[in-house]
Amino acid sequence: MATGLMHRLKRPTKMLDDFLVRASLAGLGVALAAAPLGCFVVWRRMAYFGDATAHAAILGVAMSLALSTSIFVGALVIALLMALTVNALSGRGYAMDTLLGVFAHSALAFGLVAVSFLSGVRIDLMAYLFGDILAVSRGDLAIIWTGALLVVALIGWRWQALLTSTLNTDLAYASGIDPKREQLVLTLSLAIVVAVAIKVVGVLLIAALLIIPAAAARPLSRTPEGMAVGAAVIGGLSALLGLRAAFVFDTPAGPSIVCVATLLFALSGIFGIVKRAT
């Protein structure tokens, strides 16, 4: 009887361990996916583009719930359509920042309105807006890591071409590289990252996880490859330390991860200032 009691007492501990391991692996997977792409977002000054694509994902969530399909598929489809539409319309009478502003806010608004029309469906809207990394399942982990490895492979395959088209479009054309094709690669990668990160940090914080680790890695890096690796390390540390902070202080996990990333960004900025002064 004592053995049975001890077994029942140990069961919650094991569940908690599994729960934290899944959350940690999810955070590391998203950090890995966001790191190389975040570098290009910073270099190309595409921060608002990432924000608009992420906001559109809430419309994909509503569509998925209405059709009883995978949240990942719905978010991926809508995020990709959003990014492709902005690309197609840019330069046709509208400035890029104007288009991004219109699409970002309207997509989020339409998504929230669409969710309100879903009858008979219980939805925790805060989980999709700010993430719910603590509720990540094994199936979610498989999706996150598959998406992360796909993004890393895609960016790695086109790395040199992406770098060349980012630095100079004329040089890219002279080298036989089509900058529009490379922009399409970034667009596809961004849609995948948004789809896999929605469960971890939510649509309102995805852009932060893309930009902040890459920006923090910039003063610490000498090469583009070093910056990508540094962004991955900083993103991973942000996820793990943010989860720890959320556990200790009983704060929301997604925002805690972003807060830690911001502190690391501040530290790297101070390091950069000191380095330039010496």
C-alpha atoms as a PDB file:
ATOM      1  CA  MET A   1       0.000   0.000   0.000  1.00  0.00           C
ATOM      2  CA  ALA A   2       2.885   2.349   0.823  1.00  0.00           C
ATOM      3  CA  THR A   3       4.437   1.611  -2.587  1.00  0.00           C
ATOM      4  CA  GLY A   4       1.186   2.463  -4.340  1.00  0.00           C
ATOM      5  CA  LEU A   5       0.916   5.728  -2.412  1.00  0.00           C
ATOM      6  CA  MET A   6       4.478   6.717  -3.313  1.00  0.00           C
ATOM      7  CA  HIS A   7       3.762   5.910  -6.967  1.00  0.00           C
ATOM      8  CA  ARG A   8       0.724   8.207  -6.962  1.00  0.00           C
ATOM      9  CA  LEU A   9       2.731  10.975  -5.291  1.00  0.00           C
ATOM     10  CA  LYS A  10       5.500  10.723  -7.893  1.00  0.00           C
ATOM     11  CA  ARG A  11       3.080  10.857 -10.820  1.00  0.00           C
ATOM     12  CA  PRO A  12       2.416  14.654 -10.654  1.00  0.00           C
ATOM     13  CA  THR A  13       6.178  15.307 -10.440  1.00  0.00           C
ATOM     14  CA  LYS A  14       6.799  13.259 -13.573  1.00  0.00           C
ATOM     15  CA  MET A  15       3.948  15.066 -15.330  1.00  0.00           C
ATOM     16  CA  LEU A  16       5.469  18.428 -14.378  1.00  0.00           C
ATOM     17  CA  ASP A  17       8.878  17.359 -15.687  1.00  0.00           C
ATOM     18  CA  ASP A  18       7.410  16.240 -19.022  1.00  0.00           C
ATOM     19  CA  PHE A  19       5.425  19.448 -19.182  1.00  0.00           C
ATOM     20  CA  LEU A  20       8.500  21.645 -18.705  1.00  0.00           C
ATOM     21  CA  VAL A  21      10.578  19.577 -21.122  1.00  0.00           C
ATOM     22  CA  ARG A  22       7.945  19.981 -23.854  1.00  0.00           C
ATOM     23  CA  ALA A  23       7.753  23.728 -23.246  1.00  0.00           C
ATOM     24  CA  SER A  24      11.555  24.060 -23.318  1.00  0.00           C
ATOM     25  CA  LEU A  25      11.860  22.052 -26.529  1.00  0.00           C
ATOM     26  CA  ALA A  26       9.125  24.152 -28.131  1.00  0.00           C
ATOM     27  CA  GLY A  27      10.918  27.373 -27.212  1.00  0.00           C
ATOM     28  CA  LEU A  28      14.237  26.069 -28.545  1.00  0.00           C
ATOM     29  CA  GLY A  29      12.585  24.945 -31.790  1.00  0.00           C
ATOM     30  CA  VAL A  30      11.016  28.345 -32.419  1.00  0.00           C
ATOM     31  CA  ALA A  31      14.310  30.082 -31.552  1.00  0.00           C
ATOM     32  CA  LEU A  32      16.124  27.888 -34.058  1.00  0.00           C
ATOM     33  CA  ALA A  33      13.593  28.687 -36.785  1.00  0.00           C
ATOM     34  CA  ALA A  34      13.456  32.407 -36.053  1.00  0.00           C
ATOM     35  CA  ALA A  35      17.222  33.023 -35.747  1.00  0.00           C
ATOM     36  CA  PRO A  36      18.432  32.961 -39.384  1.00  0.00           C
ATOM     37  CA  LEU A  37      15.229  34.482 -40.697  1.00  0.00           C
ATOM     38  CA  GLY A  38      15.339  37.199 -38.032  1.00  0.00           C
ATOM     39  CA  CYS A  39      18.780  38.243 -39.287  1.00  0.00           C
ATOM     40  CA  PHE A  40      17.391  38.886 -42.764  1.00  0.00           C
ATOM     41  CA  VAL A  41      14.395  40.710 -41.266  1.00  0.00           C
ATOM     42  CA  VAL A  42      16.849  43.031 -39.462  1.00  0.00           C
ATOM     43  CA  TRP A  43      19.181  43.454 -42.454  1.00  0.00           C
ATOM     44  CA  ARG A  44      16.331  44.178 -44.870  1.00  0.00           C
ATOM     45  CA  ARG A  45      14.418  46.303 -42.360  1.00  0.00           C
ATOM     46  CA  MET A  46      11.376  44.039 -42.719  1.00  0.00           C
ATOM     47  CA  ALA A  47      10.227  44.261 -39.097  1.00  0.00           C
ATOM     48  CA  TYR A  48       6.778  45.576 -40.005  1.00  0.00           C
ATOM     49  CA  PHE A  49       6.476  42.923 -42.718  1.00  0.00           C
ATOM     50  CA  GLY A  50       6.949  40.195 -40.101  1.00  0.00           C
ATOM     51  CA  ASP A  51       4.438  41.900 -37.819  1.00  0.00           C
ATOM     52  CA  ALA A  52       1.807  42.082 -40.571  1.00  0.00           C
ATOM     53  CA  THR A  53       2.271  38.421 -41.501  1.00  0.00           C
ATOM     54  CA  ALA A  54       1.966  37.388 -37.861  1.00  0.00           C
ATOM     55  CA  HIS A  55      -1.207  39.423 -37.330  1.00  0.00           C
ATOM     56  CA  ALA A  56      -2.797  37.760 -40.346  1.00  0.00           C
ATOM     57  CA  ALA A  57      -2.346  34.364 -38.689  1.00  0.00           C
ATOM     58  CA  ILE A  58      -5.269  34.993 -36.311  1.00  0.00           C
ATOM     59  CA  LEU A  59      -7.539  34.910 -39.370  1.00  0.00           C
ATOM     60  CA  GLY A  60      -6.014  31.509 -40.168  1.00  0.00           C
ATOM     61  CA  VAL A  61      -6.835  30.349 -36.640  1.00  0.00           C
ATOM     62  CA  ALA A  62     -10.473  31.352 -37.117  1.00  0.00           C
ATOM     63  CA  MET A  63     -10.591  29.574 -40.480  1.00  0.00           C
ATOM     64  CA  SER A  64      -9.078  26.418 -38.992  1.00  0.00           C
ATOM     65  CA  LEU A  65     -11.563  26.330 -36.129  1.00  0.00           C
ATOM     66  CA  ALA A  66     -14.488  26.910 -38.488  1.00  0.00           C
ATOM     67  CA  LEU A  67     -13.362  24.095 -40.815  1.00  0.00           C
ATOM     68  CA  SER A  68     -12.117  21.814 -38.005  1.00  0.00           C
ATOM     69  CA  THR A  69      -8.657  21.622 -39.528  1.00  0.00           C
ATOM     70  CA  SER A  70      -5.138  21.996 -38.146  1.00  0.00           C
ATOM     71  CA  ILE A  71      -4.324  25.394 -36.626  1.00  0.00           C
ATOM     72  CA  PHE A  72      -0.853  25.106 -38.141  1.00  0.00           C
ATOM     73  CA  VAL A  73      -2.232  24.643 -41.677  1.00  0.00           C
ATOM     74  CA  GLY A  74      -4.704  27.529 -41.363  1.00  0.00           C
ATOM     75  CA  ALA A  75      -2.107  29.922 -39.959  1.00  0.00           C
ATOM     76  CA  LEU A  76       0.435  28.888 -42.603  1.00  0.00           C
ATOM     77  CA  VAL A  77      -1.974  29.372 -45.515  1.00  0.00           C
ATOM     78  CA  ILE A  78      -3.223  32.793 -44.386  1.00  0.00           C
ATOM     79  CA  ALA A  79       0.258  34.045 -43.411  1.00  0.00           C
ATOM     80  CA  LEU A  80       1.596  32.974 -46.806  1.00  0.00           C
ATOM     81  CA  LEU A  81      -1.316  34.576 -48.680  1.00  0.00           C
ATOM     82  CA  MET A  82      -0.809  37.779 -46.707  1.00  0.00           C
ATOM     83  CA  ALA A  83       2.907  37.941 -47.466  1.00  0.00           C
ATOM     84  CA  LEU A  84       2.414  37.154 -51.167  1.00  0.00           C
ATOM     85  CA  THR A  85      -0.368  39.742 -51.502  1.00  0.00           C
ATOM     86  CA  VAL A  86       1.773  42.484 -49.955  1.00  0.00           C
ATOM     87  CA  ASN A  87       4.656  41.540 -52.248  1.00  0.00           C
ATOM     88  CA  ALA A  88       2.405  41.635 -55.309  1.00  0.00           C
ATOM     89  CA  LEU A  89       0.852  45.018 -54.470  1.00  0.00           C
ATOM     90  CA  SER A  90       4.002  46.828 -53.352  1.00  0.00           C
ATOM     91  CA  GLY A  91       5.177  49.467 -55.791  1.00  0.00           C
ATOM     92  CA  ARG A  92       1.772  49.774 -57.474  1.00  0.00           C
ATOM     93  CA  GLY A  93       0.747  53.165 -56.189  1.00  0.00           C
ATOM     94  CA  TYR A  94       1.124  52.380 -52.480  1.00  0.00           C
ATOM     95  CA  ALA A  95       4.146  52.642 -50.228  1.00  0.00           C
ATOM     96  CA  MET A  96       5.183  49.379 -48.572  1.00  0.00           C
ATOM     97  CA  ASP A  97       4.696  50.697 -45.028  1.00  0.00           C
ATOM     98  CA  THR A  98       1.172  51.882 -45.909  1.00  0.00           C
ATOM     99  CA  LEU A  99       0.227  48.477 -47.312  1.00  0.00           C
ATOM    100  CA  LEU A 100       1.681  46.707 -44.295  1.00  0.00           C
ATOM    101  CA  GLY A 101      -0.202  48.976 -41.911  1.00  0.00           C
ATOM    102  CA  VAL A 102      -3.514  48.398 -43.701  1.00  0.00           C
ATOM    103  CA  PHE A 103      -3.098  44.630 -44.002  1.00  0.00           C
ATOM    104  CA  ALA A 104      -1.679  44.082 -40.506  1.00  0.00           C
ATOM    105  CA  HIS A 105      -4.475  45.817 -38.620  1.00  0.00           C
ATOM    106  CA  SER A 106      -7.313  44.762 -40.920  1.00  0.00           C
ATOM    107  CA  ALA A 107      -6.260  41.085 -40.887  1.00  0.00           C
ATOM    108  CA  LEU A 108      -6.090  41.091 -37.086  1.00  0.00           C
ATOM    109  CA  ALA A 109      -9.468  42.833 -36.832  1.00  0.00           C
ATOM    110  CA  PHE A 110     -11.160  40.495 -39.327  1.00  0.00           C
ATOM    111  CA  GLY A 111      -9.643  37.511 -37.533  1.00  0.00           C
ATOM    112  CA  LEU A 112     -10.955  38.602 -34.137  1.00  0.00           C
ATOM    113  CA  VAL A 113     -14.407  39.304 -35.597  1.00  0.00           C
ATOM    114  CA  ALA A 114     -14.430  35.910 -37.346  1.00  0.00           C
ATOM    115  CA  VAL A 115     -13.570  34.174 -34.064  1.00  0.00           C
ATOM    116  CA  SER A 116     -16.537  35.878 -32.368  1.00  0.00           C
ATOM    117  CA  PHE A 117     -18.885  34.305 -34.956  1.00  0.00           C
ATOM    118  CA  LEU A 118     -17.759  30.761 -34.181  1.00  0.00           C
ATOM    119  CA  SER A 119     -20.634  29.144 -32.327  1.00  0.00           C
ATOM    120  CA  GLY A 120     -20.157  26.007 -30.276  1.00  0.00           C
ATOM    121  CA  VAL A 121     -16.366  26.418 -30.292  1.00  0.00           C
ATOM    122  CA  ARG A 122     -14.553  27.207 -27.072  1.00  0.00           C
ATOM    123  CA  ILE A 123     -11.417  29.223 -27.750  1.00  0.00           C
ATOM    124  CA  ASP A 124      -8.896  30.839 -25.453  1.00  0.00           C
ATOM    125  CA  LEU A 125      -8.149  33.908 -27.534  1.00  0.00           C
ATOM    126  CA  MET A 126      -5.355  35.030 -25.208  1.00  0.00           C
ATOM    127  CA  ALA A 127      -3.492  31.801 -25.967  1.00  0.00           C
ATOM    128  CA  TYR A 128      -3.372  32.692 -29.672  1.00  0.00           C
ATOM    129  CA  LEU A 129      -2.587  36.365 -29.091  1.00  0.00           C
ATOM    130  CA  PHE A 130       0.181  35.867 -26.515  1.00  0.00           C
ATOM    131  CA  GLY A 131       0.971  32.169 -26.853  1.00  0.00           C
ATOM    132  CA  ASP A 132       0.498  29.187 -24.560  1.00  0.00           C
ATOM    133  CA  ILE A 133       3.833  27.398 -24.568  1.00  0.00           C
ATOM    134  CA  LEU A 134       2.920  25.514 -21.390  1.00  0.00           C
ATOM    135  CA  ALA A 135       0.134  23.715 -23.253  1.00  0.00           C
ATOM    136  CA  VAL A 136       2.360  22.421 -26.066  1.00  0.00           C
ATOM    137  CA  SER A 137       1.701  18.756 -26.838  1.00  0.00           C
ATOM    138  CA  ARG A 138       3.940  16.130 -28.414  1.00  0.00           C
ATOM    139  CA  GLY A 139       2.119  16.668 -31.700  1.00  0.00           C
ATOM    140  CA  ASP A 140       2.799  20.407 -31.469  1.00  0.00           C
ATOM    141  CA  LEU A 141       6.463  19.643 -30.817  1.00  0.00           C
ATOM    142  CA  ALA A 142       6.650  17.532 -33.960  1.00  0.00           C
ATOM    143  CA  ILE A 143       5.146  20.384 -36.018  1.00  0.00           C
ATOM    144  CA  ILE A 144       7.421  23.023 -34.442  1.00  0.00           C
ATOM    145  CA  TRP A 145      10.629  21.071 -35.003  1.00  0.00           C
ATOM    146  CA  THR A 146       9.657  19.966 -38.503  1.00  0.00           C
ATOM    147  CA  GLY A 147       8.951  23.587 -39.404  1.00  0.00           C
ATOM    148  CA  ALA A 148      12.163  24.776 -37.723  1.00  0.00           C
ATOM    149  CA  LEU A 149      14.350  22.271 -39.572  1.00  0.00           C
ATOM    150  CA  LEU A 150      12.577  23.110 -42.848  1.00  0.00           C
ATOM    151  CA  VAL A 151      13.264  26.836 -42.389  1.00  0.00           C
ATOM    152  CA  VAL A 152      16.908  26.233 -41.438  1.00  0.00           C
ATOM    153  CA  ALA A 153      17.371  23.960 -44.459  1.00  0.00           C
ATOM    154  CA  LEU A 154      15.683  26.455 -46.791  1.00  0.00           C
ATOM    155  CA  ILE A 155      17.687  29.440 -45.530  1.00  0.00           C
ATOM    156  CA  GLY A 156      20.911  27.393 -45.508  1.00  0.00           C
ATOM    157  CA  TRP A 157      20.318  26.281 -49.111  1.00  0.00           C
ATOM    158  CA  ARG A 158      19.769  29.865 -50.330  1.00  0.00           C
ATOM    159  CA  TRP A 159      22.106  31.585 -47.828  1.00  0.00           C
ATOM    160  CA  GLN A 160      24.642  33.045 -50.270  1.00  0.00           C
ATOM    161  CA  ALA A 161      21.993  34.126 -52.767  1.00  0.00           C
ATOM    162  CA  LEU A 162      19.924  35.707 -50.003  1.00  0.00           C
ATOM    163  CA  LEU A 163      22.961  37.564 -48.681  1.00  0.00           C
ATOM    164  CA  THR A 164      23.910  38.859 -52.116  1.00  0.00           C
ATOM    165  CA  SER A 165      20.398  40.085 -52.931  1.00  0.00           C
ATOM    166  CA  THR A 166      20.178  41.692 -49.477  1.00  0.00           C
ATOM    167  CA  LEU A 167      23.467  43.569 -49.885  1.00  0.00           C
ATOM    168  CA  ASN A 168      22.958  44.781 -53.462  1.00  0.00           C
ATOM    169  CA  THR A 169      20.229  43.953 -55.959  1.00  0.00           C
ATOM    170  CA  ASP A 170      22.373  45.052 -58.917  1.00  0.00           C
ATOM    171  CA  LEU A 171      25.151  42.729 -57.791  1.00  0.00           C
ATOM    172  CA  ALA A 172      22.591  39.954 -57.423  1.00  0.00           C
ATOM    173  CA  TYR A 173      21.378  40.409 -61.014  1.00  0.00           C
ATOM    174  CA  ALA A 174      24.980  40.513 -62.248  1.00  0.00           C
ATOM    175  CA  SER A 175      25.616  37.225 -60.431  1.00  0.00           C
ATOM    176  CA  GLY A 176      22.600  35.574 -62.046  1.00  0.00           C
ATOM    177  CA  ILE A 177      20.469  35.780 -58.889  1.00  0.00           C
ATOM    178  CA  ASP A 178      16.841  36.867 -59.043  1.00  0.00           C
ATOM    179  CA  PRO A 179      16.126  39.035 -55.946  1.00  0.00           C
ATOM    180  CA  LYS A 180      12.382  38.454 -56.347  1.00  0.00           C
ATOM    181  CA  ARG A 181      12.909  34.709 -56.075  1.00  0.00           C
ATOM    182  CA  GLU A 182      14.973  35.189 -52.924  1.00  0.00           C
ATOM    183  CA  GLN A 183      12.249  37.432 -51.515  1.00  0.00           C
ATOM    184  CA  LEU A 184       9.819  34.565 -52.145  1.00  0.00           C
ATOM    185  CA  VAL A 185      12.083  32.224 -50.158  1.00  0.00           C
ATOM    186  CA  LEU A 186      12.037  34.666 -47.248  1.00  0.00           C
ATOM    187  CA  THR A 187       8.267  35.032 -47.546  1.00  0.00           C
ATOM    188  CA  LEU A 188       7.741  31.263 -47.410  1.00  0.00           C
ATOM    189  CA  SER A 189      10.131  30.935 -44.462  1.00  0.00           C
ATOM    190  CA  LEU A 190       8.391  33.741 -42.611  1.00  0.00           C
ATOM    191  CA  ALA A 191       4.982  32.093 -43.074  1.00  0.00           C
ATOM    192  CA  ILE A 192       6.353  28.806 -41.683  1.00  0.00           C
ATOM    193  CA  VAL A 193       7.895  30.530 -38.658  1.00  0.00           C
ATOM    194  CA  VAL A 194       4.642  32.365 -37.924  1.00  0.00           C
ATOM    195  CA  ALA A 195       2.679  29.110 -38.150  1.00  0.00           C
ATOM    196  CA  VAL A 196       4.976  27.175 -35.801  1.00  0.00           C
ATOM    197  CA  ALA A 197       5.467  30.059 -33.327  1.00  0.00           C
ATOM    198  CA  ILE A 198       1.793  30.918 -32.828  1.00  0.00           C
ATOM    199  CA  LYS A 199       1.455  28.276 -30.096  1.00  0.00           C
ATOM    200  CA  VAL A 200       4.585  29.462 -28.281  1.00  0.00           C
ATOM    201  CA  VAL A 201       4.457  33.275 -28.234  1.00  0.00           C
ATOM    202  CA  GLY A 202       1.214  34.150 -30.056  1.00  0.00           C
ATOM    203  CA  VAL A 203       0.605  36.429 -33.015  1.00  0.00           C
ATOM    204  CA  LEU A 204       1.335  39.644 -31.117  1.00  0.00           C
ATOM    205  CA  LEU A 205       4.816  38.558 -30.004  1.00  0.00           C
ATOM    206  CA  ILE A 206       6.114  36.562 -32.978  1.00  0.00           C
ATOM    207  CA  ALA A 207       7.762  39.596 -34.564  1.00  0.00           C
ATOM    208  CA  ALA A 208       9.549  40.301 -31.267  1.00  0.00           C
ATOM    209  CA  LEU A 209      11.076  36.814 -31.226  1.00  0.00           C
ATOM    210  CA  LEU A 210      12.190  37.323 -34.823  1.00  0.00           C
ATOM    211  CA  ILE A 211      13.766  40.739 -34.350  1.00  0.00           C
ATOM    212  CA  ILE A 212      15.102  41.011 -30.788  1.00  0.00           C
ATOM    213  CA  PRO A 213      17.514  37.999 -30.714  1.00  0.00           C
ATOM    214  CA  ALA A 214      18.905  38.961 -34.141  1.00  0.00           C
ATOM    215  CA  ALA A 215      19.320  42.586 -33.073  1.00  0.00           C
ATOM    216  CA  ALA A 216      20.987  41.452 -29.831  1.00  0.00           C
ATOM    217  CA  ALA A 217      23.424  39.253 -31.754  1.00  0.00           C
ATOM    218  CA  ARG A 218      24.462  42.046 -34.117  1.00  0.00           C
ATOM    219  CA  PRO A 219      26.970  43.872 -31.821  1.00  0.00           C
ATOM    220  CA  LEU A 220      28.509  40.528 -30.832  1.00  0.00           C
ATOM    221  CA  SER A 221      29.111  39.207 -34.352  1.00  0.00           C
ATOM    222  CA  ARG A 222      31.745  39.777 -37.003  1.00  0.00           C
ATOM    223  CA  THR A 223      30.177  37.773 -39.840  1.00  0.00           C
ATOM    224  CA  PRO A 224      26.613  37.182 -41.064  1.00  0.00           C
ATOM    225  CA  GLU A 225      26.935  33.492 -40.194  1.00  0.00           C
ATOM    226  CA  GLY A 226      28.117  34.411 -36.705  1.00  0.00           C
ATOM    227  CA  MET A 227      25.126  36.693 -36.274  1.00  0.00           C
ATOM    228  CA  ALA A 228      22.726  33.883 -37.246  1.00  0.00           C
ATOM    229  CA  VAL A 229      24.346  31.490 -34.768  1.00  0.00           C
ATOM    230  CA  GLY A 230      24.384  34.191 -32.085  1.00  0.00           C
ATOM    231  CA  ALA A 231      20.697  34.917 -32.693  1.00  0.00           C
ATOM    232  CA  ALA A 232      19.897  31.214 -32.261  1.00  0.00           C
ATOM    233  CA  VAL A 233      21.834  31.087 -28.979  1.00  0.00           C
ATOM    234  CA  ILE A 234      20.210  34.267 -27.643  1.00  0.00           C
ATOM    235  CA  GLY A 235      16.768  33.084 -28.745  1.00  0.00           C
ATOM    236  CA  GLY A 236      17.296  29.729 -27.040  1.00  0.00           C
ATOM    237  CA  LEU A 237      18.514  31.386 -23.832  1.00  0.00           C
ATOM    238  CA  SER A 238      15.532  33.738 -23.932  1.00  0.00           C
ATOM    239  CA  ALA A 239      13.144  30.783 -24.189  1.00  0.00           C
ATOM    240  CA  LEU A 240      14.736  28.806 -21.350  1.00  0.00           C
ATOM    241  CA  LEU A 241      15.289  31.759 -19.001  1.00  0.00           C
ATOM    242  CA  GLY A 242      11.863  33.174 -19.828  1.00  0.00           C
ATOM    243  CA  LEU A 243      10.222  29.876 -18.919  1.00  0.00           C
ATOM    244  CA  ARG A 244      12.193  29.799 -15.679  1.00  0.00           C
ATOM    245  CA  ALA A 245      11.128  33.353 -14.856  1.00  0.00           C
ATOM    246  CA  ALA A 246       7.501  32.533 -15.622  1.00  0.00           C
ATOM    247  CA  PHE A 247       7.698  29.515 -13.299  1.00  0.00           C
ATOM    248  CA  VAL A 248       9.358  31.464 -10.452  1.00  0.00           C
ATOM    249  CA  PHE A 249       7.348  34.707 -10.669  1.00  0.00           C
ATOM    250  CA  ASP A 250       4.071  33.198 -11.967  1.00  0.00           C
ATOM    251  CA  THR A 251       4.026  35.420 -15.053  1.00  0.00           C
ATOM    252  CA  PRO A 252       2.782  34.693 -18.625  1.00  0.00           C
ATOM    253  CA  ALA A 253       5.351  32.519 -20.390  1.00  0.00           C
ATOM    254  CA  GLY A 254       5.291  34.142 -23.856  1.00  0.00           C
ATOM    255  CA  PRO A 255       5.741  37.739 -22.652  1.00  0.00           C
ATOM    256  CA  SER A 256       8.357  36.545 -20.134  1.00  0.00           C
ATOM    257  CA  ILE A 257      10.421  35.070 -22.981  1.00  0.00           C
ATOM    258  CA  VAL A 258      10.264  38.368 -24.871  1.00  0.00           C
ATOM    259  CA  CYS A 259      11.211  40.316 -21.723  1.00  0.00           C
ATOM    260  CA  VAL A 260      14.311  38.156 -21.250  1.00  0.00           C
ATOM    261  CA  ALA A 261      15.223  38.633 -24.927  1.00  0.00           C
ATOM    262  CA  THR A 262      14.897  42.400 -24.431  1.00  0.00           C
ATOM    263  CA  LEU A 263      17.215  42.306 -21.399  1.00  0.00           C
ATOM    264  CA  LEU A 264      19.776  40.340 -23.424  1.00  0.00           C
ATOM    265  CA  PHE A 265      19.431  42.928 -26.200  1.00  0.00           C
ATOM    266  CA  ALA A 266      20.156  45.700 -23.675  1.00  0.00           C
ATOM    267  CA  LEU A 267      23.213  43.830 -22.371  1.00  0.00           C
ATOM    268  CA  SER A 268      24.556  43.286 -25.885  1.00  0.00           C
ATOM    269  CA  GLY A 269      24.013  46.973 -26.643  1.00  0.00           C
ATOM    270  CA  ILE A 270      26.003  47.960 -23.557  1.00  0.00           C
ATOM    271  CA  PHE A 271      28.732  45.526 -24.568  1.00  0.00           C
ATOM    272  CA  GLY A 272      28.817  47.067 -28.047  1.00  0.00           C
ATOM    273  CA  ILE A 273      29.155  50.596 -26.630  1.00  0.00           C
ATOM    274  CA  VAL A 274      31.972  49.530 -24.287  1.00  0.00           C
ATOM    275  CA  LYS A 275      33.720  47.685 -27.114  1.00  0.00           C
ATOM    276  CA  ARG A 276      33.643  50.752 -29.379  1.00  0.00           C
ATOM    277  CA  ALA A 277      34.897  52.987 -26.562  1.00  0.00           C
ATOM    278  CA  THR A 278      37.972  50.835 -25.841  1.00  0.00           C
END
